[in-house]
Amino acid sequence: MLSIDEDDGDILDIKTLVLDEDILSDIPLERRLIFVLAESTSTYLFHQSIKDAIMAIKPEGLQFFRADQWGSSAVFQ
């Protein structure tokens, strides 16, 4: 679900993110390890294996959310 600016049609907010697992399964894993949403270029999606590798070095100031639990207010929960 998106919030769209009525004046210019820009996407203001993504309220719900839904990924089609059938479509994803048709994309080779190496092509879907990391991708950026076209609707929100500040939103990155990481495969669990990438997230695990990043978290193994114990970074500070970084937070991950599962895609099925992500929303515009996720950082405040």
C-alpha atoms as a PDB file:
ATOM      1  CA  MET A   1       0.000   0.000   0.000  1.00  0.00           C
ATOM      2  CA  LEU A   2       1.388   3.389  -1.034  1.00  0.00           C
ATOM      3  CA  SER A   3       0.739   7.007  -0.126  1.00  0.00           C
ATOM      4  CA  ILE A   4       0.926   9.057  -3.329  1.00  0.00           C
ATOM      5  CA  ASP A   5       1.213  12.837  -3.701  1.00  0.00           C
ATOM      6  CA  GLU A   6      -1.932  13.983  -5.490  1.00  0.00           C
ATOM      7  CA  ASP A   7      -0.135  16.920  -7.114  1.00  0.00           C
ATOM      8  CA  ASP A   8       2.797  15.198  -8.791  1.00  0.00           C
ATOM      9  CA  GLY A   9       2.163  11.470  -8.319  1.00  0.00           C
ATOM     10  CA  ASP A  10       5.330  10.932  -6.294  1.00  0.00           C
ATOM     11  CA  ILE A  11       5.314   8.120  -3.756  1.00  0.00           C
ATOM     12  CA  LEU A  12       5.378   9.608  -0.269  1.00  0.00           C
ATOM     13  CA  ASP A  13       5.231   6.484   1.847  1.00  0.00           C
ATOM     14  CA  ILE A  14       5.136   2.704   1.549  1.00  0.00           C
ATOM     15  CA  LYS A  15       2.774   1.414   4.208  1.00  0.00           C
ATOM     16  CA  THR A  16       2.997  -2.287   3.373  1.00  0.00           C
ATOM     17  CA  LEU A  17       5.584  -4.279   1.463  1.00  0.00           C
ATOM     18  CA  VAL A  18       4.493  -7.498  -0.231  1.00  0.00           C
ATOM     19  CA  LEU A  19       6.917  -9.728  -2.122  1.00  0.00           C
ATOM     20  CA  ASP A  20       5.596 -12.362  -4.530  1.00  0.00           C
ATOM     21  CA  GLU A  21       7.511 -15.530  -3.665  1.00  0.00           C
ATOM     22  CA  ASP A  22       6.622 -17.144  -7.005  1.00  0.00           C
ATOM     23  CA  ILE A  23       8.230 -14.277  -8.904  1.00  0.00           C
ATOM     24  CA  LEU A  24      11.240 -14.212  -6.570  1.00  0.00           C
ATOM     25  CA  SER A  25      11.805 -17.937  -6.994  1.00  0.00           C
ATOM     26  CA  ASP A  26      12.159 -17.394 -10.766  1.00  0.00           C
ATOM     27  CA  ILE A  27      15.081 -14.992 -10.186  1.00  0.00           C
ATOM     28  CA  PRO A  28      18.453 -16.682  -9.577  1.00  0.00           C
ATOM     29  CA  LEU A  29      19.617 -16.208  -5.986  1.00  0.00           C
ATOM     30  CA  GLU A  30      22.764 -14.327  -6.997  1.00  0.00           C
ATOM     31  CA  ARG A  31      20.577 -11.710  -8.733  1.00  0.00           C
ATOM     32  CA  ARG A  32      18.361 -11.117  -5.681  1.00  0.00           C
ATOM     33  CA  LEU A  33      20.788 -11.021  -2.763  1.00  0.00           C
ATOM     34  CA  ILE A  34      20.484  -7.217  -2.518  1.00  0.00           C
ATOM     35  CA  PHE A  35      18.094  -4.934  -4.323  1.00  0.00           C
ATOM     36  CA  VAL A  36      16.587  -1.470  -4.034  1.00  0.00           C
ATOM     37  CA  LEU A  37      12.883  -0.764  -4.360  1.00  0.00           C
ATOM     38  CA  ALA A  38      12.140   1.327  -7.441  1.00  0.00           C
ATOM     39  CA  GLU A  39       9.357   2.974  -5.431  1.00  0.00           C
ATOM     40  CA  SER A  40      11.712   3.981  -2.618  1.00  0.00           C
ATOM     41  CA  THR A  41      15.386   4.206  -3.503  1.00  0.00           C
ATOM     42  CA  SER A  42      16.268   4.576   0.176  1.00  0.00           C
ATOM     43  CA  THR A  43      14.829   1.115   0.909  1.00  0.00           C
ATOM     44  CA  TYR A  44      17.194  -1.816   0.438  1.00  0.00           C
ATOM     45  CA  LEU A  45      16.251  -5.475   0.627  1.00  0.00           C
ATOM     46  CA  PHE A  46      18.923  -7.957   1.706  1.00  0.00           C
ATOM     47  CA  HIS A  47      18.831 -11.735   1.505  1.00  0.00           C
ATOM     48  CA  GLN A  48      19.114 -13.412   4.914  1.00  0.00           C
ATOM     49  CA  SER A  49      22.626 -14.656   4.057  1.00  0.00           C
ATOM     50  CA  ILE A  50      23.811 -11.083   3.427  1.00  0.00           C
ATOM     51  CA  LYS A  51      22.190  -9.865   6.643  1.00  0.00           C
ATOM     52  CA  ASP A  52      23.876 -12.671   8.595  1.00  0.00           C
ATOM     53  CA  ALA A  53      27.300 -11.805   7.132  1.00  0.00           C
ATOM     54  CA  ILE A  54      26.866  -8.131   7.999  1.00  0.00           C
ATOM     55  CA  MET A  55      25.672  -8.852  11.533  1.00  0.00           C
ATOM     56  CA  ALA A  56      28.616 -11.213  12.090  1.00  0.00           C
ATOM     57  CA  ILE A  57      30.918  -8.191  12.293  1.00  0.00           C
ATOM     58  CA  LYS A  58      28.619  -6.535  14.888  1.00  0.00           C
ATOM     59  CA  PRO A  59      28.047  -3.175  13.150  1.00  0.00           C
ATOM     60  CA  GLU A  60      26.801  -0.219  15.159  1.00  0.00           C
ATOM     61  CA  GLY A  61      23.836   1.908  14.127  1.00  0.00           C
ATOM     62  CA  LEU A  62      22.409  -0.624  11.697  1.00  0.00           C
ATOM     63  CA  GLN A  63      19.059  -2.326  11.969  1.00  0.00           C
ATOM     64  CA  PHE A  64      17.352  -4.940   9.790  1.00  0.00           C
ATOM     65  CA  PHE A  65      13.659  -5.767   9.555  1.00  0.00           C
ATOM     66  CA  ARG A  66      12.061  -8.825   7.999  1.00  0.00           C
ATOM     67  CA  ALA A  67      10.216  -7.859   4.811  1.00  0.00           C
ATOM     68  CA  ASP A  68       6.939  -9.183   6.228  1.00  0.00           C
ATOM     69  CA  GLN A  69       7.367  -7.018   9.351  1.00  0.00           C
ATOM     70  CA  TRP A  70       8.589  -3.861   7.641  1.00  0.00           C
ATOM     71  CA  GLY A  71       6.518  -0.716   7.303  1.00  0.00           C
ATOM     72  CA  SER A  72       7.056   3.020   7.452  1.00  0.00           C
ATOM     73  CA  SER A  73       6.782   2.945  11.249  1.00  0.00           C
ATOM     74  CA  ALA A  74       8.996  -0.131  11.817  1.00  0.00           C
ATOM     75  CA  VAL A  75      11.942   1.924  13.077  1.00  0.00           C
ATOM     76  CA  PHE A  76       9.774   3.275  15.914  1.00  0.00           C
ATOM     77  CA  GLN A  77       8.708  -0.128  17.239  1.00  0.00           C
END
